[in-house]
Amino acid sequence: MTIKALVFDFDGLIIDTESVEFQVWQEIYRHYGCELELKTWAVCIGTSADAFDPHIHLEQLSGQQLDREELYKRRRIRHAELVAGLPVLPGVKAYLKGAKHLGLGVALASSSTHEWVEGYLEERGLLPYFDHIKCSDDVERVKPAPDLYLAALSALGVPGSAAVAFEDSLHGLQAAKDAGMYCVAVPNPLTRHMSWEQADLVLNSMAELPLPQLLAKLEAKAS
């Protein structure tokens, strides 16, 4: 079946907010003489923040009772400072423009909120490229459940077999495959060490392969 739509993740794929989030929490942990390991943090990459509570974990490591509100205030300030300078990741805008040129539907499916996602997209001039945006506000279950992708497919009016998901996390990959989609993995620095054999294609960045060639590869694989 011909590919008719592309669906993008957001955090870590369009802008690398994932690495910044981990960096900020590492800085906070080190302030208290502790280390936050990537293998511990990885459980929450690409899914709900409820998957891991860094406040409780830090209290356990440090043996101190810490003010949650103050901790998260510090995290918000530092995170905003670092994210403000983040660029759109290589190749993303070319894929968005290419999709429009080819007449493909374009959607976004993120476990973050509309406020979070759309704010950053608008700041960087990317919001007009998306026909539909589905976020945690729209579904009961976020990734790795397929609900976000199923909602995006429904809005686009295409079956999973005619759509490609772009993901940087294993939670997102599982969600996309369970929605019956092709999935192209574009791992970020935090997820490059993970196993991506279930992905249909793995790229170092979207700048690595022009969109028409990527689509041809996926359709050849399907046939």
C-alpha atoms as a PDB file:
ATOM      1  CA  MET A   1       0.000   0.000   0.000  1.00  0.00           C
ATOM      2  CA  THR A   2       1.257   3.489  -0.824  1.00  0.00           C
ATOM      3  CA  ILE A   3       2.321   5.577   2.162  1.00  0.00           C
ATOM      4  CA  LYS A   4      -0.094   8.450   2.636  1.00  0.00           C
ATOM      5  CA  ALA A   5       0.900  10.035   5.945  1.00  0.00           C
ATOM      6  CA  LEU A   6       3.747  10.733   8.347  1.00  0.00           C
ATOM      7  CA  VAL A   7       3.345  10.957  12.126  1.00  0.00           C
ATOM      8  CA  PHE A   8       6.118  12.488  14.227  1.00  0.00           C
ATOM      9  CA  ASP A   9       6.982  12.159  17.871  1.00  0.00           C
ATOM     10  CA  PHE A  10       8.141  15.422  19.486  1.00  0.00           C
ATOM     11  CA  ASP A  11      10.507  15.255  22.471  1.00  0.00           C
ATOM     12  CA  GLY A  12      13.931  14.015  21.419  1.00  0.00           C
ATOM     13  CA  LEU A  13      12.914  13.773  17.752  1.00  0.00           C
ATOM     14  CA  ILE A  14      12.020  17.313  16.622  1.00  0.00           C
ATOM     15  CA  ILE A  15      13.840  19.119  19.446  1.00  0.00           C
ATOM     16  CA  ASP A  16      16.148  17.261  21.822  1.00  0.00           C
ATOM     17  CA  THR A  17      14.341  18.179  25.022  1.00  0.00           C
ATOM     18  CA  GLU A  18      15.006  14.621  26.245  1.00  0.00           C
ATOM     19  CA  SER A  19      18.757  15.112  26.668  1.00  0.00           C
ATOM     20  CA  VAL A  20      18.195  18.472  28.364  1.00  0.00           C
ATOM     21  CA  GLU A  21      15.729  16.981  30.834  1.00  0.00           C
ATOM     22  CA  PHE A  22      18.228  14.301  31.810  1.00  0.00           C
ATOM     23  CA  GLN A  23      21.046  16.849  32.055  1.00  0.00           C
ATOM     24  CA  VAL A  24      19.034  19.085  34.389  1.00  0.00           C
ATOM     25  CA  TRP A  25      18.178  16.223  36.720  1.00  0.00           C
ATOM     26  CA  GLN A  26      21.811  15.072  36.688  1.00  0.00           C
ATOM     27  CA  GLU A  27      22.849  18.574  37.779  1.00  0.00           C
ATOM     28  CA  ILE A  28      20.288  18.540  40.595  1.00  0.00           C
ATOM     29  CA  TYR A  29      21.381  15.076  41.776  1.00  0.00           C
ATOM     30  CA  ARG A  30      25.046  16.144  41.799  1.00  0.00           C
ATOM     31  CA  HIS A  31      24.143  19.167  43.910  1.00  0.00           C
ATOM     32  CA  TYR A  32      23.176  16.636  46.597  1.00  0.00           C
ATOM     33  CA  GLY A  33      26.235  14.440  46.000  1.00  0.00           C
ATOM     34  CA  CYS A  34      24.316  11.783  44.050  1.00  0.00           C
ATOM     35  CA  GLU A  35      24.378  10.381  40.524  1.00  0.00           C
ATOM     36  CA  LEU A  36      21.378   9.760  38.270  1.00  0.00           C
ATOM     37  CA  GLU A  37      22.219   6.862  35.957  1.00  0.00           C
ATOM     38  CA  LEU A  38      20.881   6.663  32.427  1.00  0.00           C
ATOM     39  CA  LYS A  39      19.624   3.110  32.941  1.00  0.00           C
ATOM     40  CA  THR A  40      17.462   4.413  35.803  1.00  0.00           C
ATOM     41  CA  TRP A  41      16.206   7.411  33.833  1.00  0.00           C
ATOM     42  CA  ALA A  42      15.529   5.404  30.653  1.00  0.00           C
ATOM     43  CA  VAL A  43      12.247   3.975  31.950  1.00  0.00           C
ATOM     44  CA  CYS A  44      10.554   7.358  31.472  1.00  0.00           C
ATOM     45  CA  ILE A  45      11.923   8.258  28.024  1.00  0.00           C
ATOM     46  CA  GLY A  46       9.058   8.565  25.554  1.00  0.00           C
ATOM     47  CA  THR A  47       6.280   7.885  28.024  1.00  0.00           C
ATOM     48  CA  SER A  48       4.514   9.509  30.975  1.00  0.00           C
ATOM     49  CA  ALA A  49       6.562  11.267  33.637  1.00  0.00           C
ATOM     50  CA  ASP A  50       4.682   9.024  36.073  1.00  0.00           C
ATOM     51  CA  ALA A  51       6.974   6.157  35.040  1.00  0.00           C
ATOM     52  CA  PHE A  52       9.759   7.498  37.268  1.00  0.00           C
ATOM     53  CA  ASP A  53       9.775   9.969  40.174  1.00  0.00           C
ATOM     54  CA  PRO A  54      13.188  11.680  40.346  1.00  0.00           C
ATOM     55  CA  HIS A  55      12.265  13.431  43.595  1.00  0.00           C
ATOM     56  CA  ILE A  56      11.588  10.206  45.494  1.00  0.00           C
ATOM     57  CA  HIS A  57      14.641   8.527  43.957  1.00  0.00           C
ATOM     58  CA  LEU A  58      16.873  11.445  44.982  1.00  0.00           C
ATOM     59  CA  GLU A  59      15.522  11.354  48.537  1.00  0.00           C
ATOM     60  CA  GLN A  60      16.332   7.640  48.691  1.00  0.00           C
ATOM     61  CA  LEU A  61      19.886   8.143  47.399  1.00  0.00           C
ATOM     62  CA  SER A  62      20.682  11.210  49.489  1.00  0.00           C
ATOM     63  CA  GLY A  63      18.936  10.126  52.689  1.00  0.00           C
ATOM     64  CA  GLN A  64      17.421  13.615  52.884  1.00  0.00           C
ATOM     65  CA  GLN A  65      13.846  14.856  52.870  1.00  0.00           C
ATOM     66  CA  LEU A  66      13.636  17.392  50.026  1.00  0.00           C
ATOM     67  CA  ASP A  67      11.022  20.017  49.189  1.00  0.00           C
ATOM     68  CA  ARG A  68       9.313  18.765  46.012  1.00  0.00           C
ATOM     69  CA  GLU A  69       8.010  22.189  44.989  1.00  0.00           C
ATOM     70  CA  GLU A  70      11.426  23.813  45.364  1.00  0.00           C
ATOM     71  CA  LEU A  71      13.133  20.963  43.495  1.00  0.00           C
ATOM     72  CA  TYR A  72      10.762  21.189  40.539  1.00  0.00           C
ATOM     73  CA  LYS A  73      10.953  24.984  40.489  1.00  0.00           C
ATOM     74  CA  ARG A  74      14.729  24.696  40.143  1.00  0.00           C
ATOM     75  CA  ARG A  75      14.278  22.105  37.409  1.00  0.00           C
ATOM     76  CA  ARG A  76      11.787  24.293  35.455  1.00  0.00           C
ATOM     77  CA  ILE A  77      14.034  27.359  35.519  1.00  0.00           C
ATOM     78  CA  ARG A  78      17.156  25.480  34.406  1.00  0.00           C
ATOM     79  CA  HIS A  79      15.258  23.455  31.786  1.00  0.00           C
ATOM     80  CA  ALA A  80      13.725  26.593  30.234  1.00  0.00           C
ATOM     81  CA  GLU A  81      17.166  28.202  30.134  1.00  0.00           C
ATOM     82  CA  LEU A  82      18.691  25.273  28.234  1.00  0.00           C
ATOM     83  CA  VAL A  83      15.770  24.529  25.901  1.00  0.00           C
ATOM     84  CA  ALA A  84      15.527  28.166  24.775  1.00  0.00           C
ATOM     85  CA  GLY A  85      18.650  27.721  22.663  1.00  0.00           C
ATOM     86  CA  LEU A  86      17.886  24.290  21.235  1.00  0.00           C
ATOM     87  CA  PRO A  87      17.674  24.037  17.436  1.00  0.00           C
ATOM     88  CA  VAL A  88      15.255  21.939  15.436  1.00  0.00           C
ATOM     89  CA  LEU A  89      17.099  18.670  14.836  1.00  0.00           C
ATOM     90  CA  PRO A  90      18.788  18.065  11.443  1.00  0.00           C
ATOM     91  CA  GLY A  91      16.504  17.103   8.576  1.00  0.00           C
ATOM     92  CA  VAL A  92      13.220  17.623  10.431  1.00  0.00           C
ATOM     93  CA  LYS A  93      12.130  20.728   8.535  1.00  0.00           C
ATOM     94  CA  ALA A  94      13.143  19.188   5.206  1.00  0.00           C
ATOM     95  CA  TYR A  95      10.934  16.166   5.959  1.00  0.00           C
ATOM     96  CA  LEU A  96       8.003  18.384   6.931  1.00  0.00           C
ATOM     97  CA  LYS A  97       8.368  20.459   3.758  1.00  0.00           C
ATOM     98  CA  GLY A  98       8.871  17.324   1.687  1.00  0.00           C
ATOM     99  CA  ALA A  99       5.728  15.721   3.069  1.00  0.00           C
ATOM    100  CA  LYS A 100       3.669  18.748   2.087  1.00  0.00           C
ATOM    101  CA  HIS A 101       5.243  18.790  -1.382  1.00  0.00           C
ATOM    102  CA  LEU A 102       4.332  15.124  -1.830  1.00  0.00           C
ATOM    103  CA  GLY A 103       0.761  15.668  -0.622  1.00  0.00           C
ATOM    104  CA  LEU A 104       1.153  13.494   2.458  1.00  0.00           C
ATOM    105  CA  GLY A 105      -0.847  13.979   5.626  1.00  0.00           C
ATOM    106  CA  VAL A 106       1.286  15.115   8.569  1.00  0.00           C
ATOM    107  CA  ALA A 107       0.481  14.600  12.241  1.00  0.00           C
ATOM    108  CA  LEU A 108       2.225  14.561  15.588  1.00  0.00           C
ATOM    109  CA  ALA A 109       1.726  12.093  18.432  1.00  0.00           C
ATOM    110  CA  SER A 110       3.336  12.983  21.769  1.00  0.00           C
ATOM    111  CA  SER A 111       3.082  11.794  25.354  1.00  0.00           C
ATOM    112  CA  SER A 112       3.602  15.435  26.386  1.00  0.00           C
ATOM    113  CA  THR A 113       0.814  18.038  26.629  1.00  0.00           C
ATOM    114  CA  HIS A 114      -0.543  20.297  23.888  1.00  0.00           C
ATOM    115  CA  GLU A 115       0.741  23.337  25.765  1.00  0.00           C
ATOM    116  CA  TRP A 116       4.282  21.937  25.861  1.00  0.00           C
ATOM    117  CA  VAL A 117       4.419  20.688  22.272  1.00  0.00           C
ATOM    118  CA  GLU A 118       2.593  23.483  20.500  1.00  0.00           C
ATOM    119  CA  GLY A 119       4.484  26.185  22.379  1.00  0.00           C
ATOM    120  CA  TYR A 120       7.832  24.917  21.117  1.00  0.00           C
ATOM    121  CA  LEU A 121       6.515  24.252  17.601  1.00  0.00           C
ATOM    122  CA  GLU A 122       5.106  27.762  17.347  1.00  0.00           C
ATOM    123  CA  GLU A 123       8.344  29.343  18.604  1.00  0.00           C
ATOM    124  CA  ARG A 124      10.274  27.552  15.876  1.00  0.00           C
ATOM    125  CA  GLY A 125       7.784  28.146  13.077  1.00  0.00           C
ATOM    126  CA  LEU A 126       6.821  24.479  12.693  1.00  0.00           C
ATOM    127  CA  LEU A 127       3.194  24.486  13.841  1.00  0.00           C
ATOM    128  CA  PRO A 128       1.678  25.167  10.370  1.00  0.00           C
ATOM    129  CA  TYR A 129       3.206  21.990   8.953  1.00  0.00           C
ATOM    130  CA  PHE A 130       0.992  19.724  11.069  1.00  0.00           C
ATOM    131  CA  ASP A 131      -2.540  18.786  10.031  1.00  0.00           C
ATOM    132  CA  HIS A 132      -3.265  17.182  13.401  1.00  0.00           C
ATOM    133  CA  ILE A 133      -1.585  17.078  16.813  1.00  0.00           C
ATOM    134  CA  LYS A 134      -2.458  14.431  19.386  1.00  0.00           C
ATOM    135  CA  CYS A 135      -1.052  14.701  22.911  1.00  0.00           C
ATOM    136  CA  SER A 136      -1.503  13.279  26.397  1.00  0.00           C
ATOM    137  CA  ASP A 137      -4.528  15.574  26.843  1.00  0.00           C
ATOM    138  CA  ASP A 138      -6.359  13.624  24.117  1.00  0.00           C
ATOM    139  CA  VAL A 139      -6.033  10.016  25.294  1.00  0.00           C
ATOM    140  CA  GLU A 140      -6.337   7.917  28.438  1.00  0.00           C
ATOM    141  CA  ARG A 141      -3.078   6.049  27.828  1.00  0.00           C
ATOM    142  CA  VAL A 142       0.163   7.459  26.454  1.00  0.00           C
ATOM    143  CA  LYS A 143       2.999   5.507  24.851  1.00  0.00           C
ATOM    144  CA  PRO A 144       3.850   2.615  24.903  1.00  0.00           C
ATOM    145  CA  ALA A 145       0.085   2.152  24.441  1.00  0.00           C
ATOM    146  CA  PRO A 146      -0.907   2.757  20.787  1.00  0.00           C
ATOM    147  CA  ASP A 147      -3.694   5.233  21.635  1.00  0.00           C
ATOM    148  CA  LEU A 148      -1.866   8.392  20.514  1.00  0.00           C
ATOM    149  CA  TYR A 149      -0.980   6.899  17.156  1.00  0.00           C
ATOM    150  CA  LEU A 150      -4.462   5.466  16.687  1.00  0.00           C
ATOM    151  CA  ALA A 151      -5.910   8.923  17.398  1.00  0.00           C
ATOM    152  CA  ALA A 152      -3.538  10.488  14.861  1.00  0.00           C
ATOM    153  CA  LEU A 153      -4.408   7.871  12.230  1.00  0.00           C
ATOM    154  CA  SER A 154      -8.126   8.424  12.808  1.00  0.00           C
ATOM    155  CA  ALA A 155      -7.713  12.184  12.397  1.00  0.00           C
ATOM    156  CA  LEU A 156      -5.674  11.666   9.211  1.00  0.00           C
ATOM    157  CA  GLY A 157      -8.172   9.150   7.868  1.00  0.00           C
ATOM    158  CA  VAL A 158      -5.564   6.540   6.964  1.00  0.00           C
ATOM    159  CA  PRO A 159      -4.856   2.997   8.201  1.00  0.00           C
ATOM    160  CA  GLY A 160      -1.645   2.191  10.045  1.00  0.00           C
ATOM    161  CA  SER A 161      -0.347   0.296   7.026  1.00  0.00           C
ATOM    162  CA  ALA A 162      -0.318   3.561   5.040  1.00  0.00           C
ATOM    163  CA  ALA A 163       1.520   5.677   7.609  1.00  0.00           C
ATOM    164  CA  VAL A 164       5.062   6.084   8.934  1.00  0.00           C
ATOM    165  CA  ALA A 165       5.889   6.971  12.536  1.00  0.00           C
ATOM    166  CA  PHE A 166       9.176   8.689  13.389  1.00  0.00           C
ATOM    167  CA  GLU A 167      10.400   7.834  16.866  1.00  0.00           C
ATOM    168  CA  ASP A 168      13.398   8.205  19.156  1.00  0.00           C
ATOM    169  CA  SER A 169      12.258   5.969  22.049  1.00  0.00           C
ATOM    170  CA  LEU A 170      11.446   2.284  22.483  1.00  0.00           C
ATOM    171  CA  HIS A 171       8.138   3.219  24.123  1.00  0.00           C
ATOM    172  CA  GLY A 172       7.257   5.140  20.979  1.00  0.00           C
ATOM    173  CA  LEU A 173       8.408   2.323  18.713  1.00  0.00           C
ATOM    174  CA  GLN A 174       6.157  -0.140  20.539  1.00  0.00           C
ATOM    175  CA  ALA A 175       3.210   2.255  20.304  1.00  0.00           C
ATOM    176  CA  ALA A 176       3.688   2.744  16.569  1.00  0.00           C
ATOM    177  CA  LYS A 177       4.058  -0.951  15.787  1.00  0.00           C
ATOM    178  CA  ASP A 178       1.008  -1.814  17.911  1.00  0.00           C
ATOM    179  CA  ALA A 179      -0.918   0.738  15.826  1.00  0.00           C
ATOM    180  CA  GLY A 180       0.112  -1.214  12.712  1.00  0.00           C
ATOM    181  CA  MET A 181       2.463   1.462  11.349  1.00  0.00           C
ATOM    182  CA  TYR A 182       5.860   1.539   9.744  1.00  0.00           C
ATOM    183  CA  CYS A 183       8.340   2.982  12.233  1.00  0.00           C
ATOM    184  CA  VAL A 184      11.563   4.823  11.445  1.00  0.00           C
ATOM    185  CA  ALA A 185      13.809   5.182  14.486  1.00  0.00           C
ATOM    186  CA  VAL A 186      15.925   8.313  14.830  1.00  0.00           C
ATOM    187  CA  PRO A 187      17.570   7.739  18.231  1.00  0.00           C
ATOM    188  CA  ASN A 188      18.788  10.681  20.295  1.00  0.00           C
ATOM    189  CA  PRO A 189      21.968  10.645  22.455  1.00  0.00           C
ATOM    190  CA  LEU A 190      20.057   9.011  25.336  1.00  0.00           C
ATOM    191  CA  THR A 191      18.531   6.217  23.244  1.00  0.00           C
ATOM    192  CA  ARG A 192      21.295   5.312  20.777  1.00  0.00           C
ATOM    193  CA  HIS A 193      22.478   2.482  23.022  1.00  0.00           C
ATOM    194  CA  MET A 194      19.054   0.792  22.898  1.00  0.00           C
ATOM    195  CA  SER A 195      18.050  -2.110  20.680  1.00  0.00           C
ATOM    196  CA  TRP A 196      16.137  -1.031  17.540  1.00  0.00           C
ATOM    197  CA  GLU A 197      15.695  -4.287  15.651  1.00  0.00           C
ATOM    198  CA  GLN A 198      11.894  -3.893  15.566  1.00  0.00           C
ATOM    199  CA  ALA A 199      12.180  -0.617  13.646  1.00  0.00           C
ATOM    200  CA  ASP A 200      11.705  -0.718   9.876  1.00  0.00           C
ATOM    201  CA  LEU A 201      14.622   1.649   9.408  1.00  0.00           C
ATOM    202  CA  VAL A 202      17.140   3.374  11.713  1.00  0.00           C
ATOM    203  CA  LEU A 203      18.658   6.774  10.887  1.00  0.00           C
ATOM    204  CA  ASN A 204      21.312   8.785  12.672  1.00  0.00           C
ATOM    205  CA  SER A 205      19.290  11.868  11.711  1.00  0.00           C
ATOM    206  CA  MET A 206      16.619  12.799   9.169  1.00  0.00           C
ATOM    207  CA  ALA A 207      19.330  14.611   7.228  1.00  0.00           C
ATOM    208  CA  GLU A 208      20.884  11.221   6.445  1.00  0.00           C
ATOM    209  CA  LEU A 209      18.310  10.203   3.824  1.00  0.00           C
ATOM    210  CA  PRO A 210      15.996  12.382   1.684  1.00  0.00           C
ATOM    211  CA  LEU A 211      12.305  11.716   2.294  1.00  0.00           C
ATOM    212  CA  PRO A 212      11.503  10.309  -1.197  1.00  0.00           C
ATOM    213  CA  GLN A 213      14.319   7.760  -0.825  1.00  0.00           C
ATOM    214  CA  LEU A 214      13.158   6.808   2.650  1.00  0.00           C
ATOM    215  CA  LEU A 215       9.600   6.230   1.420  1.00  0.00           C
ATOM    216  CA  ALA A 216      10.885   4.151  -1.509  1.00  0.00           C
ATOM    217  CA  LYS A 217      12.909   1.982   0.890  1.00  0.00           C
ATOM    218  CA  LEU A 218       9.888   1.365   3.128  1.00  0.00           C
ATOM    219  CA  GLU A 219       7.559   0.564   0.236  1.00  0.00           C
ATOM    220  CA  ALA A 220      10.141  -1.776  -1.290  1.00  0.00           C
ATOM    221  CA  LYS A 221      10.433  -3.553   2.043  1.00  0.00           C
ATOM    222  CA  ALA A 222       6.668  -3.948   2.251  1.00  0.00           C
ATOM    223  CA  SER A 223       6.418  -5.401  -1.266  1.00  0.00           C
END
